[in-house]
Amino acid sequence: MANEPASNTHTGSQMYLSTRGGDYGLSFETVVLKGLAKDGGLFLPHEVPVVTNWRSWKDLSYAELAFRIFSLYISSREIPAEDLKAIIDRSYSTFRAKDITPLAHQQHNNLYLLELFHGPSYSFKDCALQFLGNLFEYFLVRKNRGKERKGGFAEDLWPKAMSLGTDQLADRHHLTVVGATSGDTGSAAIEGLRGKNDISIFMLHPKGRISPIQEMQMTTCLEANTRNLAVMGTFDDCQDIVKALFGDPDTNQTLMLAAVNSINVSRILAQIVYYFYSYLSLAKRSTDLELGDRVRFVVPTGNFGDVLAGYFAWRMGLPVDKLVIATNENDILDRFWKTGRYEKKPAQGQEAEGGLKVDGVKAHEDGVRETLSPAMDILVSSNFERLLWFLAYESAATVGTNDKLNRKQAGQAVSAWLEDLKIKGGFGPVDKDILDNARRSFESERVGDPQTLGTIRTFYRQTGYILDPHSAVGVTAAFRSLLRAEPDIPHISLLTAHPAKFAGAVELALKDMKGFDFESDVLPQEFVGLDKKVKRVTTVANDRKAIRELIKEQVEKELEAQSG
């Protein structure tokens, strides 16, 4: 890793800590490559910078705005400005829309739709994973300067990277990226990392339990550095295997594991950009919104990463009235905001049944309700831990003036809560001041499948616009929020996936609508013929040790091929 930062080269927002108190003062490079802290916690910047001049950003392009925001979290001593700009430009050059995340307005005066599905995999996750893939490549080029490999590598892309590294190891650095997916993360990660030198990527998905489009997007990628593993189990099994690999020091050291799931803090930082960009875009096009007026963002969420980025934007100074969390029937987040308790609530038997098999509802069978929005079918939201740290830290700061001690107490509180979650299945109710603080910036809504279908149908009838089921959960919550919010507060609802990725729910909602035709109205040209392409996937048993050995064996083969 690069030398750890000092206060004279890094600001507080450019140094990172663990939510559980075991790590402080880490560099951006360290936390990107590690993914998960050694104590099991997630990484956060020491502080979130308050931006006083954000109004001056109103005429910036998406890439220019990304550079301003990333520069607040990445010291130029780690990535020089010209290299950071090159990484950003390269990352967003793959998007189909000129504005990267365009804002759409569909009749209702105060409701705007933020389209986040214009990247290579047609999912909001491209906004972060295209950037993360290029970060991985940049750091590896720097570490591997002067260490030749068969076929050369991308040194010409990042000239400054060749002069800033200090490692002089005999062997080339090689990352092994391992992730679990119920569909969208897998295809977005593969699009971000395919063909990149010195990186092997293994995506685990539950066999037969993701949508056909999602599976084909992953398995038709035949790049030498990508491998898809179809696990004979559930998504939760896949996620447990990945966590076990990261938690095994020997495996971590041998393979140099790296994370692409939303535990990687760079994904949160990348998603901050479209909150600012959409607000500034709305201010430019609206005659009613002036810079400084408040808006509400409505975010369909399962793992809490997307809406957490909005929380960062709010802390940075963006005038957010509320962040509205939209959950489906797997409502652990909604129940926390309603009661102050955070606890698993497993559903079994008929109570858990629902959704559509064709769209991947069987991805989670262990106590999770099956719904029409399967990417949000979770028992526990992994990124919620990061918000808990902020809440615990601010609670400690109300009675203590020693910042180091306040951070320590926050880490202890988070560790205790997560231990209760692990052993008892939940914790809380949290103290009133903590819950009140959480409610200051967030509201929540729970949306069932009937409402999801109704919104897809009604929205199409009224506007001709087609929503995917996850985005429909958000739009349903937005309509409810519009009824209780102050008059004239605009709502920006985040659209997280292209409707073609969840054909079953869309066709179920719209099959009886006059003139609707899925292939002509929804299906992108890039998806046509996917089922005819050659696929590569390995079916594996739900066995952690066997999967670990398979990954080790495959990486060894790749390294031998590169050095041969």
Protein backbone atom coordinates (compact mmCIF):
# COMPACT_ATOMS: atom_id res chain seq x y z
CA MET A 1 0.00 0.00 0.00
CA ALA A 2 1.00 3.61 -0.39
CA ASN A 3 2.47 5.32 2.64
CA GLU A 4 -0.27 6.28 5.06
CA PRO A 5 -1.27 9.96 4.99
CA ALA A 6 -0.11 12.79 7.18
CA SER A 7 -2.11 15.84 8.22
CA ASN A 8 0.04 18.11 6.06
CA THR A 9 -0.72 16.15 2.87
CA HIS A 10 -4.30 15.00 3.52
CA THR A 11 -7.36 16.77 4.87
CA GLY A 12 -9.68 15.07 7.33
CA SER A 13 -11.96 14.04 4.48
CA GLN A 14 -9.01 12.38 2.70
CA MET A 15 -8.16 10.04 5.59
CA TYR A 16 -10.27 7.03 6.49
CA LEU A 17 -11.35 5.07 9.56
CA SER A 18 -13.26 1.89 10.38
CA THR A 19 -16.80 2.07 11.70
CA ARG A 20 -15.80 -0.35 14.46
CA GLY A 21 -12.83 1.60 15.74
CA GLY A 22 -9.94 -0.66 14.70
CA ASP A 23 -8.44 1.53 11.98
CA TYR A 24 -7.75 5.26 11.70
CA GLY A 25 -5.75 7.51 9.40
CA LEU A 26 -5.81 5.26 6.33
CA SER A 27 -5.20 6.47 2.79
CA PHE A 28 -7.75 6.35 0.01
CA GLU A 29 -5.68 3.78 -1.86
CA THR A 30 -5.56 1.54 1.19
CA VAL A 31 -9.31 1.52 1.77
CA VAL A 32 -10.15 1.05 -1.91
CA LEU A 33 -7.88 -1.97 -2.22
CA LYS A 34 -8.79 -3.47 1.18
CA GLY A 35 -12.54 -2.98 0.87
CA LEU A 36 -13.26 -4.24 4.38
CA ALA A 37 -11.49 -3.18 7.59
CA LYS A 38 -9.49 -5.75 9.55
CA ASP A 39 -11.98 -5.50 12.44
CA GLY A 40 -14.89 -6.29 10.08
CA GLY A 41 -16.01 -2.68 9.91
CA LEU A 42 -16.65 -0.47 6.90
CA PHE A 43 -14.52 2.51 5.93
CA LEU A 44 -15.55 6.16 6.25
CA PRO A 45 -13.67 9.44 5.84
CA HIS A 46 -12.63 11.01 9.15
CA GLU A 47 -14.98 13.85 8.29
CA VAL A 48 -17.43 14.82 5.58
CA PRO A 49 -16.35 18.14 4.06
CA VAL A 50 -18.79 21.04 4.14
CA VAL A 51 -18.82 22.73 0.74
CA THR A 52 -19.67 26.42 0.85
CA ASN A 53 -19.17 27.17 -2.84
CA TRP A 54 -21.30 24.41 -4.37
CA ARG A 55 -23.48 27.00 -6.14
CA SER A 56 -20.50 27.78 -8.38
CA TRP A 57 -20.73 24.21 -9.71
CA LYS A 58 -24.04 24.82 -11.50
CA ASP A 59 -22.62 24.93 -15.05
CA LEU A 60 -20.16 22.03 -14.69
CA SER A 61 -20.45 18.89 -16.77
CA TYR A 62 -20.96 15.59 -14.97
CA ALA A 63 -17.25 14.72 -15.29
CA GLU A 64 -16.17 18.17 -14.09
CA LEU A 65 -18.49 17.93 -11.10
CA ALA A 66 -17.20 14.43 -10.30
CA PHE A 67 -13.66 15.81 -10.27
CA ARG A 68 -14.61 18.56 -7.77
CA ILE A 69 -16.29 16.07 -5.46
CA PHE A 70 -13.70 13.28 -5.69
CA SER A 71 -10.90 15.80 -5.05
CA LEU A 72 -12.41 16.47 -1.64
CA TYR A 73 -11.94 12.81 -0.70
CA ILE A 74 -8.74 11.94 -2.60
CA SER A 75 -5.47 13.77 -1.94
CA SER A 76 -3.53 14.89 -5.00
CA ARG A 77 -0.52 13.27 -3.33
CA GLU A 78 -2.25 9.93 -3.99
CA ILE A 79 -3.76 10.65 -7.41
CA PRO A 80 -2.53 13.80 -9.18
CA ALA A 81 -5.25 16.02 -10.61
CA GLU A 82 -4.53 15.21 -14.25
CA ASP A 83 -4.69 11.47 -13.55
CA LEU A 84 -7.91 11.79 -11.56
CA LYS A 85 -9.49 13.70 -14.45
CA ALA A 86 -8.35 10.97 -16.85
CA ILE A 87 -9.86 8.24 -14.65
CA ILE A 88 -13.15 10.12 -14.49
CA ASP A 89 -13.29 10.81 -18.22
CA ARG A 90 -12.52 7.19 -19.00
CA SER A 91 -15.15 5.96 -16.52
CA TYR A 92 -18.07 7.97 -17.88
CA SER A 93 -17.18 7.76 -21.57
CA THR A 94 -18.99 4.40 -21.60
CA PHE A 95 -22.41 5.93 -20.84
CA ARG A 96 -25.03 6.29 -23.58
CA ALA A 97 -26.50 9.58 -22.31
CA LYS A 98 -24.58 12.83 -22.76
CA ASP A 99 -25.64 13.98 -19.28
CA ILE A 100 -24.67 10.56 -17.79
CA THR A 101 -27.65 10.68 -15.37
CA PRO A 102 -30.36 12.74 -17.12
CA LEU A 103 -33.36 14.18 -15.31
CA ALA A 104 -36.79 13.46 -16.78
CA HIS A 105 -40.04 15.30 -15.99
CA GLN A 106 -43.33 13.45 -16.49
CA GLN A 107 -46.35 15.74 -16.16
CA HIS A 108 -46.59 15.94 -12.37
CA ASN A 109 -45.23 19.40 -11.58
CA ASN A 110 -43.16 18.45 -8.55
CA LEU A 111 -41.96 14.95 -9.50
CA TYR A 112 -38.75 14.42 -11.46
CA LEU A 113 -37.14 11.13 -12.44
CA LEU A 114 -33.38 10.66 -12.21
CA GLU A 115 -32.40 8.07 -14.82
CA LEU A 116 -29.40 6.14 -13.51
CA PHE A 117 -29.48 3.29 -16.04
CA HIS A 118 -27.56 4.70 -19.00
CA GLY A 119 -24.30 2.87 -18.27
CA PRO A 120 -23.03 -0.35 -19.90
CA SER A 121 -25.07 -2.76 -17.73
CA TYR A 122 -28.26 -0.63 -17.62
CA SER A 123 -28.09 -0.27 -13.83
CA PHE A 124 -27.33 2.59 -11.41
CA LYS A 125 -24.34 0.56 -10.22
CA ASP A 126 -22.42 1.51 -13.35
CA CYS A 127 -22.08 5.04 -11.97
CA ALA A 128 -19.74 3.70 -9.30
CA LEU A 129 -18.33 0.49 -10.73
CA GLN A 130 -16.98 2.02 -13.94
CA PHE A 131 -15.00 4.38 -11.70
CA LEU A 132 -13.92 1.64 -9.28
CA GLY A 133 -12.67 -0.57 -12.10
CA ASN A 134 -10.44 2.22 -13.37
CA LEU A 135 -9.20 2.96 -9.84
CA PHE A 136 -8.12 -0.66 -9.43
CA GLU A 137 -6.28 -0.51 -12.74
CA TYR A 138 -4.59 2.80 -11.86
CA PHE A 139 -3.29 1.60 -8.51
CA LEU A 140 -2.02 -1.67 -9.99
CA VAL A 141 -0.19 0.12 -12.82
CA ARG A 142 1.59 2.22 -10.20
CA LYS A 143 2.53 -0.79 -8.09
CA ASN A 144 3.71 -2.77 -11.09
CA ARG A 145 5.83 -0.17 -12.82
CA GLY A 146 8.88 -1.72 -14.42
CA LYS A 147 7.62 -5.27 -13.81
CA GLU A 148 6.97 -6.60 -17.25
CA ARG A 149 4.15 -9.00 -17.97
CA LYS A 150 3.30 -10.97 -21.06
CA GLY A 151 1.35 -8.71 -23.42
CA GLY A 152 2.34 -5.47 -21.68
CA PHE A 153 -0.08 -3.40 -19.61
CA ALA A 154 -1.81 -0.05 -19.28
CA GLU A 155 1.10 2.15 -18.24
CA ASP A 156 0.42 4.49 -21.15
CA LEU A 157 -3.01 5.30 -19.72
CA TRP A 158 -1.76 6.64 -16.40
CA PRO A 159 1.64 8.35 -16.87
CA LYS A 160 1.80 9.88 -13.39
CA ALA A 161 1.05 6.52 -11.80
CA MET A 162 4.43 5.32 -13.02
CA SER A 163 6.34 7.90 -11.01
CA LEU A 164 4.51 8.00 -7.70
CA GLY A 165 4.63 4.41 -6.41
CA THR A 166 7.31 3.25 -3.98
CA ASP A 167 6.86 -0.53 -3.84
CA GLN A 168 9.79 -2.51 -5.21
CA LEU A 169 8.43 -6.05 -4.91
CA ALA A 170 9.90 -8.82 -7.02
CA ASP A 171 6.50 -10.01 -8.26
CA ARG A 172 3.69 -8.14 -9.92
CA HIS A 173 0.71 -7.16 -7.83
CA HIS A 174 -2.47 -8.97 -8.84
CA LEU A 175 -5.95 -8.32 -7.42
CA THR A 176 -8.60 -10.98 -7.06
CA VAL A 177 -12.03 -9.40 -7.03
CA VAL A 178 -14.73 -11.57 -5.47
CA GLY A 179 -18.35 -10.49 -5.23
CA ALA A 180 -21.85 -11.83 -4.63
CA THR A 181 -24.75 -10.71 -6.75
CA SER A 182 -28.47 -11.13 -7.10
CA GLY A 183 -28.10 -9.68 -10.59
CA ASP A 184 -27.11 -6.06 -11.12
CA THR A 185 -23.85 -5.84 -9.17
CA GLY A 186 -22.45 -8.77 -11.13
CA SER A 187 -23.03 -7.38 -14.61
CA ALA A 188 -21.92 -3.86 -13.59
CA ALA A 189 -18.74 -5.17 -11.94
CA ILE A 190 -17.88 -7.30 -14.96
CA GLU A 191 -18.42 -4.33 -17.28
CA GLY A 192 -16.11 -2.27 -15.09
CA LEU A 193 -13.31 -4.85 -14.87
CA ARG A 194 -13.44 -7.00 -18.00
CA GLY A 195 -10.14 -7.18 -19.83
CA LYS A 196 -8.19 -5.22 -17.21
CA ASN A 197 -4.66 -6.44 -16.59
CA ASP A 198 -3.60 -7.92 -13.24
CA ILE A 199 -7.20 -8.31 -12.10
CA SER A 200 -9.21 -11.53 -11.83
CA ILE A 201 -12.91 -11.24 -11.12
CA PHE A 202 -15.16 -13.94 -9.70
CA MET A 203 -18.88 -13.22 -9.36
CA LEU A 204 -21.03 -15.62 -7.33
CA HIS A 205 -24.74 -15.77 -8.07
CA PRO A 206 -27.46 -18.21 -6.93
CA LYS A 207 -27.98 -20.71 -9.71
CA GLY A 208 -31.28 -20.22 -11.56
CA ARG A 209 -32.34 -17.46 -9.20
CA ILE A 210 -31.63 -14.24 -11.05
CA SER A 211 -33.45 -12.87 -14.07
CA PRO A 212 -32.47 -14.33 -17.46
CA ILE A 213 -31.27 -10.95 -18.74
CA GLN A 214 -29.05 -10.42 -15.70
CA GLU A 215 -27.59 -13.91 -16.01
CA MET A 216 -26.92 -13.53 -19.73
CA GLN A 217 -25.26 -10.13 -19.23
CA MET A 218 -22.73 -11.83 -16.94
CA THR A 219 -22.22 -15.23 -18.52
CA THR A 220 -21.80 -14.03 -22.11
CA CYS A 221 -18.67 -12.12 -21.10
CA LEU A 222 -15.81 -14.36 -22.22
CA GLU A 223 -12.88 -12.16 -21.21
CA ALA A 224 -10.04 -14.24 -19.78
CA ASN A 225 -10.08 -12.42 -16.43
CA THR A 226 -13.79 -12.97 -15.65
CA ARG A 227 -15.41 -16.02 -14.09
CA ASN A 228 -19.05 -16.57 -13.13
CA LEU A 229 -19.82 -19.09 -10.41
CA ALA A 230 -23.41 -20.33 -10.14
CA VAL A 231 -23.79 -21.43 -6.53
CA MET A 232 -26.28 -24.14 -5.61
CA GLY A 233 -27.86 -22.01 -2.92
CA THR A 234 -29.32 -18.61 -2.17
CA PHE A 235 -27.96 -15.09 -2.53
CA ASP A 236 -27.41 -15.03 1.23
CA ASP A 237 -25.24 -18.14 0.83
CA CYS A 238 -23.22 -16.35 -1.85
CA GLN A 239 -22.77 -13.31 0.36
CA ASP A 240 -21.74 -15.46 3.33
CA ILE A 241 -19.09 -17.19 1.20
CA VAL A 242 -17.66 -13.84 0.08
CA LYS A 243 -17.57 -12.53 3.66
CA ALA A 244 -15.85 -15.73 4.80
CA LEU A 245 -13.17 -15.33 2.12
CA PHE A 246 -12.51 -11.73 3.17
CA GLY A 247 -12.48 -12.80 6.81
CA ASP A 248 -9.79 -15.45 6.22
CA PRO A 249 -6.34 -13.81 6.58
CA ASP A 250 -4.56 -16.56 4.61
CA THR A 251 -6.94 -16.29 1.65
CA ASN A 252 -6.83 -12.51 1.76
CA GLN A 253 -3.03 -12.42 1.74
CA THR A 254 -2.61 -15.15 -0.88
CA LEU A 255 -5.11 -13.74 -3.37
CA MET A 256 -5.00 -10.01 -2.54
CA LEU A 257 -8.78 -9.86 -2.36
CA ALA A 258 -10.61 -6.70 -3.40
CA ALA A 259 -14.28 -5.81 -3.00
CA VAL A 260 -16.72 -4.45 -5.56
CA ASN A 261 -19.85 -4.73 -3.46
CA SER A 262 -21.07 -1.56 -1.79
CA ILE A 263 -18.85 -2.23 1.22
CA ASN A 264 -16.18 -0.48 -0.89
CA VAL A 265 -16.31 3.16 0.14
CA SER A 266 -15.41 4.41 -3.35
CA ARG A 267 -18.84 3.30 -4.52
CA ILE A 268 -20.54 5.57 -2.00
CA LEU A 269 -18.34 8.51 -2.96
CA ALA A 270 -19.04 8.04 -6.67
CA GLN A 271 -22.77 8.09 -6.08
CA ILE A 272 -22.64 11.47 -4.31
CA VAL A 273 -22.08 13.08 -7.71
CA TYR A 274 -25.51 12.45 -9.16
CA TYR A 275 -27.26 13.99 -6.15
CA PHE A 276 -25.49 17.29 -6.75
CA TYR A 277 -25.77 16.98 -10.52
CA SER A 278 -29.52 16.34 -10.50
CA TYR A 279 -30.17 19.22 -8.09
CA LEU A 280 -28.13 21.63 -10.21
CA SER A 281 -29.79 20.35 -13.40
CA LEU A 282 -33.20 20.96 -11.88
CA ALA A 283 -32.22 24.47 -10.77
CA LYS A 284 -31.13 25.30 -14.34
CA ARG A 285 -34.32 24.08 -15.97
CA SER A 286 -36.93 25.10 -13.38
CA THR A 287 -38.38 28.58 -13.11
CA ASP A 288 -39.58 27.86 -9.57
CA LEU A 289 -36.43 26.42 -7.94
CA GLU A 290 -33.67 28.81 -6.97
CA LEU A 291 -30.24 27.68 -5.83
CA GLY A 292 -30.56 27.05 -2.11
CA ASP A 293 -34.20 25.91 -2.21
CA ARG A 294 -34.80 22.47 -0.72
CA VAL A 295 -35.68 19.29 -2.59
CA ARG A 296 -36.54 15.75 -1.56
CA PHE A 297 -34.80 12.69 -2.95
CA VAL A 298 -36.70 9.41 -3.00
CA VAL A 299 -34.51 6.32 -3.13
CA PRO A 300 -35.56 2.68 -3.55
CA THR A 301 -33.06 0.83 -1.42
CA GLY A 302 -32.11 -2.52 0.01
CA ASN A 303 -28.48 -2.35 1.14
CA PHE A 304 -28.67 1.40 1.92
CA GLY A 305 -25.64 2.40 -0.17
CA ASP A 306 -27.46 4.57 -2.71
CA VAL A 307 -29.37 6.60 -0.15
CA LEU A 308 -26.26 6.86 2.05
CA ALA A 309 -24.58 8.76 -0.78
CA GLY A 310 -27.47 11.22 -0.57
CA TYR A 311 -26.79 11.57 3.15
CA PHE A 312 -23.18 12.47 2.34
CA ALA A 313 -24.43 15.09 -0.13
CA TRP A 314 -26.72 16.52 2.56
CA ARG A 315 -23.86 16.70 5.07
CA MET A 316 -21.73 18.42 2.43
CA GLY A 317 -24.30 21.20 2.14
CA LEU A 318 -26.75 20.20 -0.57
CA PRO A 319 -30.17 21.63 0.46
CA VAL A 320 -32.04 18.37 0.99
CA ASP A 321 -35.37 18.60 2.77
CA LYS A 322 -35.57 14.83 3.34
CA LEU A 323 -34.12 11.63 1.97
CA VAL A 324 -37.10 9.31 1.57
CA ILE A 325 -36.17 5.64 1.92
CA ALA A 326 -38.41 3.38 -0.16
CA THR A 327 -38.36 -0.29 0.83
CA ASN A 328 -40.39 -3.19 -0.45
CA GLU A 329 -41.95 -5.74 1.91
CA ASN A 330 -38.49 -6.54 3.26
CA ASP A 331 -38.76 -3.52 5.47
CA ILE A 332 -36.04 -3.62 8.14
CA LEU A 333 -35.13 -0.02 7.33
CA ASP A 334 -38.71 1.25 7.40
CA ARG A 335 -39.27 -0.46 10.76
CA PHE A 336 -36.16 1.19 12.20
CA TRP A 337 -37.41 4.67 11.31
CA LYS A 338 -40.87 3.84 12.66
CA THR A 339 -39.80 2.16 15.93
CA GLY A 340 -36.09 2.67 16.57
CA ARG A 341 -35.54 -1.10 16.48
CA TYR A 342 -33.31 -2.71 13.89
CA GLU A 343 -34.08 -6.40 13.75
CA LYS A 344 -34.41 -9.21 11.29
CA LYS A 345 -37.96 -10.33 10.70
CA PRO A 346 -37.74 -13.60 8.77
CA ALA A 347 -40.76 -14.71 6.77
CA GLN A 348 -41.31 -18.43 6.21
CA GLY A 349 -43.63 -20.62 4.18
CA GLN A 350 -46.55 -18.96 2.44
CA GLU A 351 -45.78 -15.66 4.14
CA ALA A 352 -42.51 -15.47 2.19
CA GLU A 353 -43.96 -16.37 -1.19
CA GLY A 354 -44.52 -13.82 -3.92
CA GLY A 355 -42.89 -12.09 -6.85
CA LEU A 356 -41.92 -13.77 -10.10
CA LYS A 357 -39.41 -16.56 -10.52
CA VAL A 358 -38.41 -15.24 -13.94
CA ASP A 359 -37.19 -11.99 -12.34
CA GLY A 360 -35.09 -13.73 -9.71
CA VAL A 361 -37.27 -13.79 -6.60
CA LYS A 362 -35.75 -17.08 -5.53
CA ALA A 363 -32.43 -15.34 -5.03
CA HIS A 364 -33.22 -15.09 -1.32
CA GLU A 365 -35.08 -17.94 0.36
CA ASP A 366 -33.75 -17.83 3.91
CA GLY A 367 -36.46 -15.84 5.60
CA VAL A 368 -36.66 -13.03 3.05
CA ARG A 369 -39.97 -12.21 1.43
CA GLU A 370 -40.04 -12.81 -2.31
CA THR A 371 -41.16 -9.67 -4.12
CA LEU A 372 -41.42 -8.12 -7.57
CA SER A 373 -38.34 -6.01 -6.75
CA PRO A 374 -35.86 -8.80 -5.96
CA ALA A 375 -32.71 -6.65 -5.89
CA MET A 376 -34.10 -5.12 -2.68
CA ASP A 377 -34.98 -8.44 -1.07
CA ILE A 378 -32.65 -8.40 1.94
CA LEU A 379 -32.84 -9.21 5.63
CA VAL A 380 -30.05 -6.81 6.66
CA SER A 381 -28.79 -3.62 4.98
CA SER A 382 -25.01 -3.77 5.03
CA ASN A 383 -24.35 -0.03 4.52
CA PHE A 384 -26.64 0.94 7.39
CA GLU A 385 -23.59 0.39 9.61
CA ARG A 386 -22.05 3.55 8.17
CA LEU A 387 -25.04 5.67 9.14
CA LEU A 388 -25.02 4.10 12.60
CA TRP A 389 -21.46 5.32 13.05
CA PHE A 390 -22.44 8.90 12.23
CA LEU A 391 -25.41 8.72 14.59
CA ALA A 392 -23.29 7.27 17.42
CA TYR A 393 -20.48 9.78 16.83
CA GLU A 394 -22.84 12.77 16.95
CA SER A 395 -24.48 11.40 20.08
CA ALA A 396 -21.08 11.08 21.76
CA ALA A 397 -20.11 14.58 20.59
CA THR A 398 -23.06 16.13 22.45
CA VAL A 399 -21.41 15.28 25.78
CA GLY A 400 -17.72 15.01 24.88
CA THR A 401 -15.27 17.50 23.40
CA ASN A 402 -12.43 15.09 22.67
CA ASP A 403 -12.86 14.11 19.03
CA LYS A 404 -10.59 11.06 19.27
CA LEU A 405 -12.59 9.76 22.22
CA ASN A 406 -15.90 10.47 20.45
CA ARG A 407 -14.75 8.37 17.48
CA LYS A 408 -13.69 5.58 19.80
CA GLN A 409 -17.06 5.60 21.55
CA ALA A 410 -18.86 5.57 18.18
CA GLY A 411 -16.85 2.52 17.11
CA GLN A 412 -17.69 0.76 20.37
CA ALA A 413 -21.40 1.53 20.00
CA VAL A 414 -21.48 0.24 16.42
CA SER A 415 -19.59 -2.92 17.42
CA ALA A 416 -22.07 -3.58 20.24
CA TRP A 417 -25.10 -3.04 18.00
CA LEU A 418 -23.71 -5.33 15.29
CA GLU A 419 -22.87 -8.00 17.85
CA ASP A 420 -26.48 -7.93 19.09
CA LEU A 421 -27.66 -8.16 15.49
CA LYS A 422 -25.47 -11.22 14.97
CA ILE A 423 -26.37 -13.00 18.21
CA LYS A 424 -29.91 -11.81 18.96
CA GLY A 425 -31.11 -10.94 15.46
CA GLY A 426 -31.52 -7.26 16.24
CA PHE A 427 -30.93 -4.33 18.57
CA GLY A 428 -32.76 -1.35 19.98
CA PRO A 429 -34.76 0.62 20.45
CA VAL A 430 -31.91 3.10 20.16
CA ASP A 431 -31.83 6.16 22.38
CA LYS A 432 -34.34 8.87 21.54
CA ASP A 433 -31.67 11.41 20.56
CA ILE A 434 -30.21 8.94 18.05
CA LEU A 435 -33.57 8.17 16.49
CA ASP A 436 -34.53 11.85 16.39
CA ASN A 437 -31.25 12.58 14.62
CA ALA A 438 -31.95 9.85 12.07
CA ARG A 439 -35.41 11.29 11.44
CA ARG A 440 -33.96 14.76 10.91
CA SER A 441 -32.68 13.85 7.46
CA PHE A 442 -34.66 10.70 6.57
CA GLU A 443 -38.21 9.49 6.18
CA SER A 444 -39.26 6.00 5.12
CA GLU A 445 -41.99 4.20 3.21
CA ARG A 446 -42.86 0.53 2.74
CA VAL A 447 -44.33 -0.45 -0.64
CA GLY A 448 -45.99 -3.79 -1.37
CA ASP A 449 -46.17 -5.67 -4.66
CA PRO A 450 -49.77 -4.62 -5.46
CA GLN A 451 -48.76 -0.96 -5.14
CA THR A 452 -45.66 -1.60 -7.27
CA LEU A 453 -47.71 -3.08 -10.10
CA GLY A 454 -50.32 -0.34 -9.76
CA THR A 455 -47.70 2.38 -10.08
CA ILE A 456 -46.12 0.81 -13.19
CA ARG A 457 -49.58 0.56 -14.75
CA THR A 458 -50.84 4.02 -13.73
CA PHE A 459 -47.63 5.77 -14.68
CA TYR A 460 -47.62 4.17 -18.10
CA ARG A 461 -51.29 5.02 -18.67
CA GLN A 462 -50.81 8.66 -17.69
CA THR A 463 -47.40 9.39 -19.21
CA GLY A 464 -46.33 6.49 -21.46
CA TYR A 465 -43.20 6.11 -19.29
CA ILE A 466 -42.21 2.56 -18.28
CA LEU A 467 -40.77 1.96 -14.82
CA ASP A 468 -38.90 -1.10 -13.61
CA PRO A 469 -40.33 -2.56 -10.36
CA HIS A 470 -37.58 -1.14 -8.12
CA SER A 471 -38.02 2.34 -9.54
CA ALA A 472 -41.79 1.91 -9.14
CA VAL A 473 -41.27 1.31 -5.41
CA GLY A 474 -39.51 4.68 -5.30
CA VAL A 475 -42.14 6.51 -7.35
CA THR A 476 -44.90 5.09 -5.13
CA ALA A 477 -43.08 6.44 -2.08
CA ALA A 478 -42.61 9.77 -3.87
CA PHE A 479 -46.35 10.13 -4.45
CA ARG A 480 -46.96 9.55 -0.73
CA SER A 481 -44.25 12.03 0.22
CA LEU A 482 -45.76 14.68 -2.07
CA LEU A 483 -48.97 14.50 -0.05
CA ARG A 484 -47.31 15.28 3.29
CA ALA A 485 -44.37 17.50 2.28
CA GLU A 486 -44.59 21.26 2.26
CA PRO A 487 -46.18 22.58 -0.95
CA ASP A 488 -43.92 23.19 -3.92
CA ILE A 489 -40.98 21.07 -2.68
CA PRO A 490 -39.71 19.20 -5.75
CA HIS A 491 -39.18 15.45 -5.47
CA ILE A 492 -36.41 13.67 -7.39
CA SER A 493 -37.09 9.94 -7.54
CA LEU A 494 -34.12 7.74 -8.43
CA LEU A 495 -34.64 5.20 -11.22
CA THR A 496 -32.17 2.40 -10.50
CA ALA A 497 -32.55 -0.04 -13.41
CA HIS A 498 -33.79 -0.25 -16.98
CA PRO A 499 -37.23 -1.94 -17.16
CA ALA A 500 -35.92 -4.56 -19.61
CA LYS A 501 -33.92 -6.14 -16.79
CA PHE A 502 -37.15 -7.14 -15.02
CA ALA A 503 -39.33 -8.20 -17.89
CA GLY A 504 -41.63 -10.37 -15.81
CA ALA A 505 -42.94 -7.61 -13.56
CA VAL A 506 -43.20 -5.09 -16.41
CA GLU A 507 -45.15 -7.49 -18.62
CA LEU A 508 -47.37 -8.54 -15.71
CA ALA A 509 -48.27 -4.90 -15.07
CA LEU A 510 -48.71 -3.81 -18.69
CA LYS A 511 -49.80 -6.92 -20.60
CA ASP A 512 -53.39 -5.70 -20.88
CA MET A 513 -52.52 -2.12 -21.81
CA LYS A 514 -53.58 -1.24 -25.34
CA GLY A 515 -50.66 -0.83 -27.70
CA PHE A 516 -47.99 -2.09 -25.29
CA ASP A 517 -45.34 -4.33 -26.82
CA PHE A 518 -42.35 -5.35 -24.68
CA GLU A 519 -39.88 -5.93 -27.49
CA SER A 520 -40.53 -2.64 -29.27
CA ASP A 521 -41.31 -0.48 -26.23
CA VAL A 522 -38.76 -1.75 -23.69
CA LEU A 523 -36.06 -4.09 -25.00
CA PRO A 524 -32.77 -2.30 -25.86
CA GLN A 525 -30.96 -3.41 -29.00
CA GLU A 526 -28.00 -4.52 -26.86
CA PHE A 527 -30.19 -7.20 -25.23
CA VAL A 528 -31.45 -8.65 -28.49
CA GLY A 529 -29.77 -11.96 -29.25
CA LEU A 530 -28.08 -12.34 -25.86
CA ASP A 531 -29.69 -15.77 -25.54
CA LYS A 532 -27.90 -16.89 -28.72
CA LYS A 533 -24.40 -15.97 -27.53
CA VAL A 534 -21.86 -18.39 -26.08
CA LYS A 535 -21.98 -18.52 -22.29
CA ARG A 536 -19.34 -19.41 -19.73
CA VAL A 537 -20.36 -20.30 -16.19
CA THR A 538 -19.24 -22.85 -13.61
CA THR A 539 -21.82 -24.49 -11.36
CA VAL A 540 -20.45 -25.01 -7.85
CA ALA A 541 -21.72 -26.53 -4.62
CA ASN A 542 -22.57 -24.30 -1.68
CA ASP A 543 -19.19 -25.11 -0.12
CA ARG A 544 -16.91 -22.30 1.07
CA LYS A 545 -13.72 -24.36 1.08
CA ALA A 546 -14.34 -25.82 -2.38
CA ILE A 547 -15.04 -22.36 -3.83
CA ARG A 548 -11.93 -20.94 -2.17
CA GLU A 549 -9.77 -23.68 -3.70
CA LEU A 550 -11.40 -23.24 -7.11
CA ILE A 551 -10.63 -19.51 -7.06
CA LYS A 552 -7.03 -20.11 -5.98
CA GLU A 553 -6.54 -22.68 -8.73
CA GLN A 554 -7.99 -20.40 -11.40
CA VAL A 555 -5.87 -17.42 -10.32
CA GLU A 556 -2.74 -19.57 -10.40
CA LYS A 557 -3.57 -20.59 -13.98
CA GLU A 558 -4.07 -16.97 -15.01
CA LEU A 559 -0.76 -15.91 -13.48
CA GLU A 560 1.07 -18.79 -15.15
CA ALA A 561 -0.43 -17.83 -18.51
CA GLN A 562 0.68 -14.22 -18.05
CA SER A 563 4.25 -15.14 -17.14
CA GLY A 564 4.62 -17.88 -19.73
